[in-house]
Each structure stands twice: as structure tokens, then as C-alpha cells.
PDB file of N, CA and C in Angstrom:
ATOM      1  N   PHE A   1     -15.087  17.175 -10.408  1.00  0.00           N
ATOM      2  CA  PHE A   1     -15.229  15.817  -9.492  1.00  0.00           C
ATOM      3  C   PHE A   1     -14.041  14.902  -9.958  1.00  0.00           C
ATOM      4  N   LYS A   2     -13.558  15.050 -11.128  1.00  0.00           N
ATOM      5  CA  LYS A   2     -12.510  14.193 -11.695  1.00  0.00           C
ATOM      6  C   LYS A   2     -11.469  14.315 -10.796  1.00  0.00           C
ATOM      7  N   ALA A   3     -10.787  15.525 -10.364  1.00  0.00           N
ATOM      8  CA  ALA A   3      -9.580  15.757  -9.710  1.00  0.00           C
ATOM      9  C   ALA A   3      -9.842  14.930  -8.422  1.00  0.00           C
ATOM     10  N   LEU A   4     -10.998  15.308  -7.708  1.00  0.00           N
ATOM     11  CA  LEU A   4     -11.426  14.538  -6.550  1.00  0.00           C
ATOM     12  C   LEU A   4     -11.230  12.899  -6.702  1.00  0.00           C
ATOM     13  N   LYS A   5     -11.699  12.247  -7.649  1.00  0.00           N
ATOM     14  CA  LYS A   5     -11.804  10.869  -7.752  1.00  0.00           C
ATOM     15  C   LYS A   5     -10.296  10.545  -8.058  1.00  0.00           C
ATOM     16  N   GLN A   6      -9.463  11.315  -8.866  1.00  0.00           N
ATOM     17  CA  GLN A   6      -8.163  10.854  -9.193  1.00  0.00           C
ATOM     18  C   GLN A   6      -7.136  10.981  -8.039  1.00  0.00           C
ATOM     19  N   ASN A   7      -7.153  12.033  -7.364  1.00  0.00           N
ATOM     20  CA  ASN A   7      -6.184  12.486  -6.342  1.00  0.00           C
ATOM     21  C   ASN A   7      -6.509  11.729  -4.992  1.00  0.00           C
ATOM     22  N   LEU A   8      -7.861  11.695  -4.593  1.00  0.00           N
ATOM     23  CA  LEU A   8      -8.217  11.427  -3.447  1.00  0.00           C
ATOM     24  C   LEU A   8      -8.735   9.852  -3.215  1.00  0.00           C
ATOM     25  N   LYS A   9      -8.869   9.420  -4.399  1.00  0.00           N
ATOM     26  CA  LYS A   9      -9.356   7.991  -4.338  1.00  0.00           C
ATOM     27  C   LYS A   9     -10.567   7.708  -3.792  1.00  0.00           C
ATOM     28  N   ILE A  10     -11.612   8.443  -3.970  1.00  0.00           N
ATOM     29  CA  ILE A  10     -12.859   8.064  -3.392  1.00  0.00           C
ATOM     30  C   ILE A  10     -13.576   7.001  -4.021  1.00  0.00           C
ATOM     31  N   LYS A  11     -13.559   5.839  -3.532  1.00  0.00           N
ATOM     32  CA  LYS A  11     -14.230   4.833  -4.361  1.00  0.00           C
ATOM     33  C   LYS A  11     -15.814   4.621  -3.948  1.00  0.00           C
ATOM     34  N   SER A  12     -16.095   4.743  -2.577  1.00  0.00           N
ATOM     35  CA  SER A  12     -17.536   4.708  -2.387  1.00  0.00           C
ATOM     36  C   SER A  12     -17.741   5.631  -1.044  1.00  0.00           C
ATOM     37  N   PHE A  13     -19.078   5.772  -0.781  1.00  0.00           N
ATOM     38  CA  PHE A  13     -19.315   6.939   0.218  1.00  0.00           C
ATOM     39  C   PHE A  13     -19.900   5.810   1.417  1.00  0.00           C
ATOM     40  N   VAL A  14     -19.377   6.408   2.714  1.00  0.00           N
ATOM     41  CA  VAL A  14     -19.510   5.682   3.871  1.00  0.00           C
ATOM     42  C   VAL A  14     -21.232   5.788   4.109  1.00  0.00           C
ATOM     43  N   GLY A  15     -21.744   7.014   4.116  1.00  0.00           N
ATOM     44  CA  GLY A  15     -23.081   7.205   4.498  1.00  0.00           C
ATOM     45  C   GLY A  15     -24.147   7.237   3.203  1.00  0.00           C
ATOM     46  N   THR A  16     -25.313   6.938   3.491  1.00  0.00           N
ATOM     47  CA  THR A  16     -26.340   6.929   2.100  1.00  0.00           C
ATOM     48  C   THR A  16     -27.298   8.240   2.397  1.00  0.00           C
ATOM     49  N   SER A  17     -27.175   9.068   3.525  1.00  0.00           N
ATOM     50  CA  SER A  17     -28.016   9.903   3.639  1.00  0.00           C
ATOM     51  C   SER A  17     -27.637  11.043   2.865  1.00  0.00           C
ATOM     52  N   GLU A  18     -28.392  12.211   2.562  1.00  0.00           N
ATOM     53  CA  GLU A  18     -27.889  13.372   1.762  1.00  0.00           C
ATOM     54  C   GLU A  18     -26.788  14.306   2.642  1.00  0.00           C
ATOM     55  N   ASN A  19     -27.241  14.144   4.129  1.00  0.00           N
ATOM     56  CA  ASN A  19     -26.235  15.085   4.819  1.00  0.00           C
ATOM     57  C   ASN A  19     -24.844  14.341   4.872  1.00  0.00           C
ATOM     58  N   ALA A  20     -24.982  12.963   4.921  1.00  0.00           N
ATOM     59  CA  ALA A  20     -23.498  12.051   4.973  1.00  0.00           C
ATOM     60  C   ALA A  20     -22.779  12.528   3.620  1.00  0.00           C
ATOM     61  N   LEU A  21     -23.579  12.485   2.472  1.00  0.00           N
ATOM     62  CA  LEU A  21     -22.915  12.691   1.448  1.00  0.00           C
ATOM     63  C   LEU A  21     -22.158  14.001   1.170  1.00  0.00           C
ATOM     64  N   ARG A  22     -23.139  14.966   1.723  1.00  0.00           N
ATOM     65  CA  ARG A  22     -22.450  16.365   1.608  1.00  0.00           C
ATOM     66  C   ARG A  22     -21.224  16.459   2.430  1.00  0.00           C
ATOM     67  N   ILE A  23     -21.331  16.056   3.598  1.00  0.00           N
ATOM     68  CA  ILE A  23     -20.161  16.008   4.719  1.00  0.00           C
ATOM     69  C   ILE A  23     -19.020  15.345   3.900  1.00  0.00           C
ATOM     70  N   GLN A  24     -19.110  14.253   3.359  1.00  0.00           N
ATOM     71  CA  GLN A  24     -17.979  13.477   2.620  1.00  0.00           C
ATOM     72  C   GLN A  24     -17.458  14.422   1.470  1.00  0.00           C
ATOM     73  N   ILE A  25     -18.407  15.167   0.730  1.00  0.00           N
ATOM     74  CA  ILE A  25     -17.845  15.753  -0.336  1.00  0.00           C
ATOM     75  C   ILE A  25     -17.280  16.958  -0.035  1.00  0.00           C
ATOM     76  N   TRP A  26     -17.816  17.886   0.910  1.00  0.00           N
ATOM     77  CA  TRP A  26     -17.161  18.860   1.505  1.00  0.00           C
ATOM     78  C   TRP A  26     -15.667  18.448   2.204  1.00  0.00           C
ATOM     79  N   THR A  27     -15.500  17.309   2.848  1.00  0.00           N
ATOM     80  CA  THR A  27     -14.314  16.774   3.437  1.00  0.00           C
ATOM     81  C   THR A  27     -13.256  16.566   2.510  1.00  0.00           C
ATOM     82  N   ALA A  28     -13.719  16.046   1.297  1.00  0.00           N
ATOM     83  CA  ALA A  28     -12.901  15.738   0.129  1.00  0.00           C
ATOM     84  C   ALA A  28     -12.273  16.882  -0.582  1.00  0.00           C
ATOM     85  N   LEU A  29     -13.180  17.911  -0.552  1.00  0.00           N
ATOM     86  CA  LEU A  29     -13.059  19.444  -1.122  1.00  0.00           C
ATOM     87  C   LEU A  29     -11.899  20.135  -0.251  1.00  0.00           C
ATOM     88  N   ILE A  30     -12.081  19.834   0.949  1.00  0.00           N
ATOM     89  CA  ILE A  30     -11.059  20.703   2.032  1.00  0.00           C
ATOM     90  C   ILE A  30      -9.804  19.896   1.685  1.00  0.00           C
ATOM     91  N   ALA A  31      -9.627  18.500   1.752  1.00  0.00           N
ATOM     92  CA  ALA A  31      -8.369  17.759   1.616  1.00  0.00           C
ATOM     93  C   ALA A  31      -7.732  18.325   0.330  1.00  0.00           C
ATOM     94  N   LEU A  32      -8.596  18.209  -0.771  1.00  0.00           N
ATOM     95  CA  LEU A  32      -7.908  18.688  -2.096  1.00  0.00           C
ATOM     96  C   LEU A  32      -7.447  20.251  -2.013  1.00  0.00           C
ATOM     97  N   LEU A  33      -8.123  21.119  -1.467  1.00  0.00           N
ATOM     98  CA  LEU A  33      -7.608  22.344  -1.199  1.00  0.00           C
ATOM     99  C   LEU A  33      -6.465  22.570  -0.476  1.00  0.00           C
ATOM    100  N   LEU A  34      -6.151  21.703   0.593  1.00  0.00           N
ATOM    101  CA  LEU A  34      -4.792  21.714   1.359  1.00  0.00           C
ATOM    102  C   LEU A  34      -3.797  21.122   0.707  1.00  0.00           C
ATOM    103  N   LEU A  35      -4.120  20.027  -0.164  1.00  0.00           N
ATOM    104  CA  LEU A  35      -3.006  19.684  -0.987  1.00  0.00           C
ATOM    105  C   LEU A  35      -2.593  20.415  -2.062  1.00  0.00           C
ATOM    106  N   LYS A  36      -3.467  21.324  -2.696  1.00  0.00           N
ATOM    107  CA  LYS A  36      -3.125  22.005  -3.612  1.00  0.00           C
ATOM    108  C   LYS A  36      -2.324  23.319  -3.154  1.00  0.00           C
ATOM    109  N   TRP A  37      -2.549  23.695  -1.629  1.00  0.00           N
ATOM    110  CA  TRP A  37      -1.932  24.706  -1.010  1.00  0.00           C
ATOM    111  C   TRP A  37      -0.352  24.109  -0.808  1.00  0.00           C
ATOM    112  N   LEU A  38      -0.362  23.084  -0.286  1.00  0.00           N
ATOM    113  CA  LEU A  38       0.976  22.416   0.109  1.00  0.00           C
ATOM    114  C   LEU A  38       1.867  22.290  -1.158  1.00  0.00           C
ATOM    115  N   HIS A  39       1.211  21.889  -2.413  1.00  0.00           N
ATOM    116  CA  HIS A  39       1.793  21.731  -3.829  1.00  0.00           C
ATOM    117  C   HIS A  39       2.338  23.245  -4.190  1.00  0.00           C
ATOM    118  N   TYR A  40       1.583  24.322  -3.886  1.00  0.00           N
ATOM    119  CA  TYR A  40       1.928  25.576  -4.152  1.00  0.00           C
ATOM    120  C   TYR A  40       3.279  25.869  -3.207  1.00  0.00           C
ATOM    121  N   LEU A  41       3.211  25.592  -2.124  1.00  0.00           N
ATOM    122  CA  LEU A  41       4.349  26.153  -1.116  1.00  0.00           C
ATOM    123  C   LEU A  41       5.576  25.287  -1.377  1.00  0.00           C
ATOM    124  N   SER A  42       5.538  23.983  -1.848  1.00  0.00           N
ATOM    125  CA  SER A  42       6.841  23.281  -1.963  1.00  0.00           C
ATOM    126  C   SER A  42       7.574  23.785  -3.142  1.00  0.00           C
ATOM    127  N   LYS A  43       8.939  23.564  -2.840  1.00  0.00           N
ATOM    128  CA  LYS A  43      10.015  23.942  -3.902  1.00  0.00           C
ATOM    129  C   LYS A  43      10.394  22.731  -4.775  1.00  0.00           C
ATOM    130  N   ALA A  44      10.084  21.578  -4.135  1.00  0.00           N
ATOM    131  CA  ALA A  44      10.452  20.426  -5.147  1.00  0.00           C
ATOM    132  C   ALA A  44       9.100  20.266  -5.972  1.00  0.00           C
ATOM    133  N   LYS A  45       9.441  19.787  -7.163  1.00  0.00           N
ATOM    134  CA  LYS A  45       8.240  19.910  -8.321  1.00  0.00           C
ATOM    135  C   LYS A  45       7.673  18.358  -8.256  1.00  0.00           C
ATOM    136  N   TRP A  46       6.658  18.533  -7.259  1.00  0.00           N
ATOM    137  CA  TRP A  46       5.699  17.411  -6.953  1.00  0.00           C
ATOM    138  C   TRP A  46       4.558  17.144  -7.931  1.00  0.00           C
ATOM    139  N   SER A  47       4.103  16.056  -8.446  1.00  0.00           N
ATOM    140  CA  SER A  47       2.904  15.959  -8.894  1.00  0.00           C
ATOM    141  C   SER A  47       1.835  15.865  -7.876  1.00  0.00           C
ATOM    142  N   LEU A  48       0.558  16.359  -8.251  1.00  0.00           N
ATOM    143  CA  LEU A  48      -0.398  16.376  -7.151  1.00  0.00           C
ATOM    144  C   LEU A  48      -0.576  14.921  -6.438  1.00  0.00           C
ATOM    145  N   SER A  49      -0.588  13.867  -7.428  1.00  0.00           N
ATOM    146  CA  SER A  49      -0.767  12.708  -7.106  1.00  0.00           C
ATOM    147  C   SER A  49       0.288  12.005  -6.323  1.00  0.00           C
ATOM    148  N   ASN A  50       1.668  12.443  -6.680  1.00  0.00           N
ATOM    149  CA  ASN A  50       2.823  11.944  -5.827  1.00  0.00           C
ATOM    150  C   ASN A  50       2.635  12.634  -4.612  1.00  0.00           C
ATOM    151  N   LEU A  51       2.443  13.671  -4.386  1.00  0.00           N
ATOM    152  CA  LEU A  51       2.259  14.509  -3.243  1.00  0.00           C
ATOM    153  C   LEU A  51       1.020  13.831  -2.288  1.00  0.00           C
ATOM    154  N   ALA A  52       0.006  13.663  -2.735  1.00  0.00           N
ATOM    155  CA  ALA A  52      -0.917  12.898  -1.868  1.00  0.00           C
ATOM    156  C   ALA A  52      -0.399  11.437  -1.418  1.00  0.00           C
ATOM    157  N   SER A  53       0.124  10.693  -2.194  1.00  0.00           N
ATOM    158  CA  SER A  53       0.587   9.478  -1.872  1.00  0.00           C
ATOM    159  C   SER A  53       1.726   9.411  -0.886  1.00  0.00           C
ATOM    160  N   MET A  54       2.605  10.293  -0.783  1.00  0.00           N
ATOM    161  CA  MET A  54       3.842  10.572  -0.108  1.00  0.00           C
ATOM    162  C   MET A  54       3.213  11.292   1.413  1.00  0.00           C
ATOM    163  N   LEU A  55       2.174  11.907   1.334  1.00  0.00           N
ATOM    164  CA  LEU A  55       1.647  12.370   2.536  1.00  0.00           C
ATOM    165  C   LEU A  55       0.979  11.226   3.354  1.00  0.00           C
ATOM    166  N   ARG A  56       0.266  10.199   2.501  1.00  0.00           N
ATOM    167  CA  ARG A  56      -0.213   9.119   3.220  1.00  0.00           C
ATOM    168  C   ARG A  56       0.735   8.345   3.906  1.00  0.00           C
ATOM    169  N   LEU A  57       1.835   8.120   3.148  1.00  0.00           N
ATOM    170  CA  LEU A  57       2.932   7.349   3.595  1.00  0.00           C
ATOM    171  C   LEU A  57       3.662   7.942   5.062  1.00  0.00           C
ATOM    172  N   ASN A  58       3.796   9.220   4.913  1.00  0.00           N
ATOM    173  CA  ASN A  58       4.502   9.974   5.922  1.00  0.00           C
ATOM    174  C   ASN A  58       3.710  10.611   6.875  1.00  0.00           C
ATOM    175  N   LEU A  59       2.417  10.324   6.827  1.00  0.00           N
ATOM    176  CA  LEU A  59       1.309  10.831   7.987  1.00  0.00           C
ATOM    177  C   LEU A  59       1.829  11.033   9.539  1.00  0.00           C
ATOM    178  N   PHE A  60       2.373   9.854  10.072  1.00  0.00           N
ATOM    179  CA  PHE A  60       2.677   9.928  11.363  1.00  0.00           C
ATOM    180  C   PHE A  60       4.153   9.778  11.619  1.00  0.00           C
ATOM    181  N   THR A  61       4.900  10.547  10.712  1.00  0.00           N
ATOM    182  CA  THR A  61       6.364  10.679  10.805  1.00  0.00           C
ATOM    183  C   THR A  61       6.495  12.156  11.382  1.00  0.00           C
ATOM    184  N   TYR A  62       7.108  12.507  12.471  1.00  0.00           N
ATOM    185  CA  TYR A  62       7.329  13.639  13.053  1.00  0.00           C
ATOM    186  C   TYR A  62       8.444  14.311  12.170  1.00  0.00           C
ATOM    187  N   ARG A  63       8.125  15.656  11.468  1.00  0.00           N
ATOM    188  CA  ARG A  63       9.035  16.310  10.763  1.00  0.00           C
ATOM    189  C   ARG A  63       8.393  17.511  10.332  1.00  0.00           C
ATOM    190  N   LEU A  64       9.137  18.639  10.121  1.00  0.00           N
ATOM    191  CA  LEU A  64       8.648  19.798   9.893  1.00  0.00           C
ATOM    192  C   LEU A  64       8.163  19.720   8.462  1.00  0.00           C
ATOM    193  N   LEU A  65       7.060  20.470   8.156  1.00  0.00           N
ATOM    194  CA  LEU A  65       6.271  20.100   7.074  1.00  0.00           C
ATOM    195  C   LEU A  65       6.656  20.645   5.776  1.00  0.00           C
ATOM    196  N   GLN A  66       7.298  22.095   6.161  1.00  0.00           N
ATOM    197  CA  GLN A  66       8.119  22.948   4.919  1.00  0.00           C
ATOM    198  C   GLN A  66       9.391  22.153   4.501  1.00  0.00           C
ATOM    199  N   ASN A  67      10.133  21.747   5.573  1.00  0.00           N
ATOM    200  CA  ASN A  67      11.399  21.130   5.157  1.00  0.00           C
ATOM    201  C   ASN A  67      11.443  19.766   4.380  1.00  0.00           C
ATOM    202  N   TRP A  68      10.195  19.133   5.009  1.00  0.00           N
ATOM    203  CA  TRP A  68       9.948  17.817   4.143  1.00  0.00           C
ATOM    204  C   TRP A  68       9.270  17.951   2.847  1.00  0.00           C
ATOM    205  N   LEU A  69       8.728  19.142   2.558  1.00  0.00           N
ATOM    206  CA  LEU A  69       8.181  19.388   1.183  1.00  0.00           C
ATOM    207  C   LEU A  69       9.248  19.698   0.252  1.00  0.00           C
ATOM    208  N   ASP A  70      10.231  20.465   0.966  1.00  0.00           N
ATOM    209  CA  ASP A  70      11.502  21.068  -0.137  1.00  0.00           C
ATOM    210  C   ASP A  70      12.400  19.950  -0.132  1.00  0.00           C
ATOM    211  N   ASP A  71      12.610  18.961   0.857  1.00  0.00           N
ATOM    212  CA  ASP A  71      13.570  17.850   0.454  1.00  0.00           C
ATOM    213  C   ASP A  71      12.859  16.451   1.127  1.00  0.00           C
ATOM    214  N   PRO A  72      12.172  15.909   0.322  1.00  0.00           N
ATOM    215  CA  PRO A  72      11.482  14.734   0.984  1.00  0.00           C
ATOM    216  C   PRO A  72      12.044  13.559   1.156  1.00  0.00           C
ATOM    217  N   PHE A  73      13.401  13.448   0.566  1.00  0.00           N
ATOM    218  CA  PHE A  73      13.964  12.219   0.955  1.00  0.00           C
ATOM    219  C   PHE A  73      15.229  12.103   1.747  1.00  0.00           C
ATOM    220  N   GLN A  74      15.181  13.430   2.497  1.00  0.00           N
ATOM    221  CA  GLN A  74      16.152  13.532   3.544  1.00  0.00           C
ATOM    222  C   GLN A  74      15.524  12.734   4.979  1.00  0.00           C
ATOM    223  N   THR A  75      16.628  12.077   5.521  1.00  0.00           N
ATOM    224  CA  THR A  75      16.061  11.257   6.656  1.00  0.00           C
ATOM    225  C   THR A  75      15.722  12.212   7.625  1.00  0.00           C
ATOM    226  N   PRO A  76      14.688  11.932   8.483  1.00  0.00           N
ATOM    227  CA  PRO A  76      14.257  12.652   9.489  1.00  0.00           C
ATOM    228  C   PRO A  76      15.321  12.889  10.683  1.00  0.00           C
ATOM    229  N   PRO A  77      15.437  13.957  11.297  1.00  0.00           N
ATOM    230  CA  PRO A  77      16.366  13.989  12.518  1.00  0.00           C
ATOM    231  C   PRO A  77      15.867  13.089  13.517  1.00  0.00           C
ATOM    232  N   LEU A  78      17.059  12.779  14.279  1.00  0.00           N
ATOM    233  CA  LEU A  78      16.820  11.888  15.541  1.00  0.00           C
ATOM    234  C   LEU A  78      16.343  12.725  16.798  1.00  0.00           C
ATOM    235  N   VAL A  79      15.416  12.348  17.501  1.00  0.00           N
ATOM    236  CA  VAL A  79      14.782  13.157  18.450  1.00  0.00           C
ATOM    237  C   VAL A  79      15.637  12.814  19.586  1.00  0.00           C
ATOM    238  N   PRO A  80      16.265  13.954  20.367  1.00  0.00           N
ATOM    239  CA  PRO A  80      17.079  13.800  21.447  1.00  0.00           C
ATOM    240  C   PRO A  80      16.394  13.009  22.567  1.00  0.00           C
ATOM    241  N   GLU A  81      17.224  12.450  23.462  1.00  0.00           N
ATOM    242  CA  GLU A  81      16.891  11.818  24.618  1.00  0.00           C
ATOM    243  C   GLU A  81      16.313  12.882  25.696  1.00  0.00           C
ATOM    244  N   SER A  82      15.237  12.410  26.396  1.00  0.00           N
ATOM    245  CA  SER A  82      14.532  13.314  27.412  1.00  0.00           C
ATOM    246  C   SER A  82      15.351  13.694  28.276  1.00  0.00           C
ATOM    247  N   GLU A  83      15.492  14.889  28.789  1.00  0.00           N
ATOM    248  CA  GLU A  83      16.287  15.295  30.155  1.00  0.00           C
ATOM    249  C   GLU A  83      15.554  15.122  31.368  1.00  0.00           C
ATOM    250  N   GLN A  84      14.437  14.454  31.163  1.00  0.00           N
ATOM    251  CA  GLN A  84      13.831  14.029  32.532  1.00  0.00           C
ATOM    252  C   GLN A  84      14.120  12.660  32.971  1.00  0.00           C
ATOM    253  N   LEU A  85      14.337  12.434  34.319  1.00  0.00           N
ATOM    254  CA  LEU A  85      14.851  11.160  34.895  1.00  0.00           C
ATOM    255  C   LEU A  85      13.780  10.227  34.899  1.00  0.00           C
ATOM    256  N   MET A  86      14.339   8.866  34.534  1.00  0.00           N
ATOM    257  CA  MET A  86      13.338   7.845  34.354  1.00  0.00           C
ATOM    258  C   MET A  86      13.319   7.089  35.792  1.00  0.00           C
ATOM    259  N   LEU A  87      12.130   6.493  36.230  1.00  0.00           N
ATOM    260  CA  LEU A  87      11.995   6.087  37.632  1.00  0.00           C
ATOM    261  C   LEU A  87      12.412   4.386  37.134  1.00  0.00           C
ATOM    262  N   ALA A  88      12.973   3.645  38.116  1.00  0.00           N
ATOM    263  CA  ALA A  88      13.439   2.295  38.044  1.00  0.00           C
ATOM    264  C   ALA A  88      12.386   1.607  39.137  1.00  0.00           C
ATOM    265  N   LEU A  89      11.327   1.093  38.491  1.00  0.00           N
ATOM    266  CA  LEU A  89      10.155   0.493  39.366  1.00  0.00           C
ATOM    267  C   LEU A  89      10.530  -1.018  39.403  1.00  0.00           C
ATOM    268  N   ALA A  90      11.559  -1.705  39.057  1.00  0.00           N
ATOM    269  CA  ALA A  90      11.446  -3.035  39.015  1.00  0.00           C
ATOM    270  C   ALA A  90      12.659  -3.562  39.691  1.00  0.00           C
TER     271      ALA A  90
END
């Protein structure tokens, strides 16, 4: 549980029932497993806490995950303009 508290920063539990606590602990364990898997796949030498914080910062950035893990400080590619025509409604 030390790794869960350090890397996922669980400060308090949302629910108080036994079922709510089990769900939150299982969710944290799955998140830690995914983080460790990404850490294993990456070619860059990440610490687990740095990987978790960088994922938090770039969660809604559209990038290929494997490319981002290998070269995290590269700027994301620009999305090309859509080929669909726009309607001028005003």
C-alpha cells in the first residue's frame, strides 16, 4: 500500500461502506498496474512518480502514447485541417 499512497496520492476515500472502499482500492491497483506497464514499455528512463505526474498533465493531449513515452518533450503534431466544407450560416 506504500506504493499506492506514494504514486497515486490517495489522501482520502470517497465512500465509507465496505463495497466503496473495495472499489476504490481495486481501481487504484488497476491504475498502478497500468502505470507499471507503461513504465516497462517506455524507452525513456522515467521514475514511476514522474510518469504518473506527466500523465496527469498530458491526459487530454492527443498524441500516440508510445511515441510520447519514448520522447515526452517533443511538441505534439499539428492536426491537419478538416477536408469537410464548413457552412456559412450567418
